[in-house]
Amino acid sequence: MAEADGATAAPGPDPDPDDATWIEPPLCPECGALIRVYPTSYDRWVSLAMVQLPAKDVPEAFRWRLARLPGRSLISTDIVAVRVRGIDPLPSEPVVPAHRMMCIPEWGEP
């Protein structure tokens, strides 16, 4: 299921609690763009685009939403990525596309 959803990203590094430096968003190794890496509701990680788009502009297979978890969750985070399934969103409703939809690999010089 994770592979079909594109939830194959590695989790982010655990920050040192004593380190006060800014943590930059990770870069995609394929295209070099900034990405957001979030845990999913099924204990995997997914790379998401940095922008939200209307659902009409994102193919169904790439639609994600960020959801806040209830207070007594077993997952140690407060926001998870959830695939948009079942009921289709309205065309103007914002969704977060998976980064692989927007990823254009950098090609080396000939």
Protein backbone atom coordinates (compact mmCIF):
# COMPACT_ATOMS: atom_id res chain seq x y z
CA MET A 1 0.00 0.00 0.00
CA ALA A 2 2.81 2.42 0.88
CA GLU A 3 4.52 1.92 -2.48
CA ALA A 4 1.29 2.45 -4.38
CA ASP A 5 0.70 5.68 -2.45
CA GLY A 6 4.28 6.86 -2.91
CA ALA A 7 4.89 6.79 0.85
CA THR A 8 8.48 5.60 0.61
CA ALA A 9 10.37 8.62 1.98
CA ALA A 10 12.82 8.26 4.83
CA PRO A 11 11.84 9.86 8.13
CA GLY A 12 13.48 13.15 9.01
CA PRO A 13 16.42 13.21 11.40
CA ASP A 14 15.68 13.59 15.10
CA PRO A 15 16.85 17.07 16.09
CA ASP A 16 19.15 17.46 19.07
CA PRO A 17 17.10 19.08 21.87
CA ASP A 18 20.03 21.34 22.75
CA ASP A 19 20.58 22.50 19.16
CA ALA A 20 18.89 25.83 18.44
CA THR A 21 19.88 26.13 14.77
CA TRP A 22 17.25 26.39 12.05
CA ILE A 23 16.30 23.11 10.35
CA GLU A 24 16.02 23.61 6.61
CA PRO A 25 13.40 21.67 4.64
CA PRO A 26 14.92 18.67 2.87
CA LEU A 27 15.74 18.74 -0.83
CA CYS A 28 14.56 16.17 -3.37
CA PRO A 29 17.55 14.11 -4.50
CA GLU A 30 16.12 13.90 -8.04
CA CYS A 31 15.23 17.53 -8.81
CA GLY A 32 16.67 19.58 -5.95
CA ALA A 33 13.32 21.16 -5.00
CA LEU A 34 12.27 21.76 -1.40
CA ILE A 35 9.93 19.08 -0.05
CA ARG A 36 7.94 18.42 3.11
CA VAL A 37 8.29 14.96 4.62
CA TYR A 38 5.37 13.86 6.82
CA PRO A 39 4.45 10.60 8.51
CA THR A 40 1.36 8.84 7.19
CA SER A 41 -1.44 7.35 9.24
CA TYR A 42 0.03 3.87 8.55
CA ASP A 43 3.57 4.41 9.89
CA ARG A 44 5.30 5.36 6.64
CA TRP A 45 6.67 8.69 5.41
CA VAL A 46 5.73 10.63 2.28
CA SER A 47 7.38 13.52 0.43
CA LEU A 48 4.87 16.27 -0.29
CA ALA A 49 5.06 19.42 -2.36
CA MET A 50 5.51 22.75 -0.58
CA VAL A 51 2.26 24.17 -2.01
CA GLN A 52 -1.42 23.35 -1.90
CA LEU A 53 -3.31 23.15 -5.18
CA PRO A 54 -7.01 22.89 -6.04
CA ALA A 55 -8.13 19.27 -6.27
CA LYS A 56 -9.05 19.74 -9.95
CA ASP A 57 -5.34 20.34 -10.76
CA VAL A 58 -4.04 17.25 -8.93
CA PRO A 59 -4.62 13.72 -10.28
CA GLU A 60 -6.45 11.47 -7.83
CA ALA A 61 -3.41 9.26 -7.16
CA PHE A 62 -1.37 12.21 -5.84
CA ARG A 63 -3.87 13.92 -3.50
CA TRP A 64 -2.95 14.20 0.18
CA ARG A 65 -4.22 16.20 3.15
CA LEU A 66 -2.46 17.13 6.36
CA ALA A 67 -4.52 16.19 9.40
CA ARG A 68 -4.01 16.92 13.08
CA LEU A 69 -4.10 13.79 15.22
CA PRO A 70 -6.32 13.44 18.27
CA GLY A 71 -4.64 13.97 21.64
CA ARG A 72 -4.16 10.32 22.56
CA SER A 73 -2.52 9.06 19.39
CA LEU A 74 0.12 6.30 19.43
CA ILE A 75 2.11 8.14 16.76
CA SER A 76 4.49 10.67 18.30
CA THR A 77 3.62 13.61 16.05
CA ASP A 78 0.78 16.05 15.82
CA ILE A 79 0.31 16.17 12.02
CA VAL A 80 0.11 13.25 9.60
CA ALA A 81 -0.41 12.99 5.85
CA VAL A 82 -3.64 11.27 4.85
CA ARG A 83 -4.48 10.13 1.31
CA VAL A 84 -7.65 11.66 -0.12
CA ARG A 85 -9.85 8.65 -0.94
CA GLY A 86 -13.46 7.62 -0.89
CA ILE A 87 -15.35 10.88 -1.33
CA ASP A 88 -13.77 13.09 -3.96
CA PRO A 89 -13.04 16.65 -2.84
CA LEU A 90 -14.72 19.59 -4.53
CA PRO A 91 -12.73 20.84 -7.54
CA SER A 92 -11.74 24.04 -5.72
CA GLU A 93 -10.89 22.32 -2.42
CA PRO A 94 -7.16 22.53 -1.59
CA VAL A 95 -5.07 19.35 -1.45
CA VAL A 96 -1.34 18.80 -1.02
CA PRO A 97 0.15 17.00 -4.02
CA ALA A 98 2.73 14.28 -3.58
CA HIS A 99 6.11 15.63 -4.63
CA ARG A 100 6.57 12.87 -7.21
CA MET A 101 3.76 14.49 -9.24
CA MET A 102 5.78 17.70 -9.53
CA CYS A 103 9.29 16.19 -9.62
CA ILE A 104 11.25 16.84 -12.80
CA PRO A 105 14.71 15.25 -12.48
CA GLU A 106 17.71 17.41 -13.27
CA TRP A 107 19.52 16.01 -16.25
CA GLY A 108 23.29 16.18 -16.49
CA GLU A 109 24.97 18.21 -19.18
CA PRO A 110 25.71 16.27 -22.39
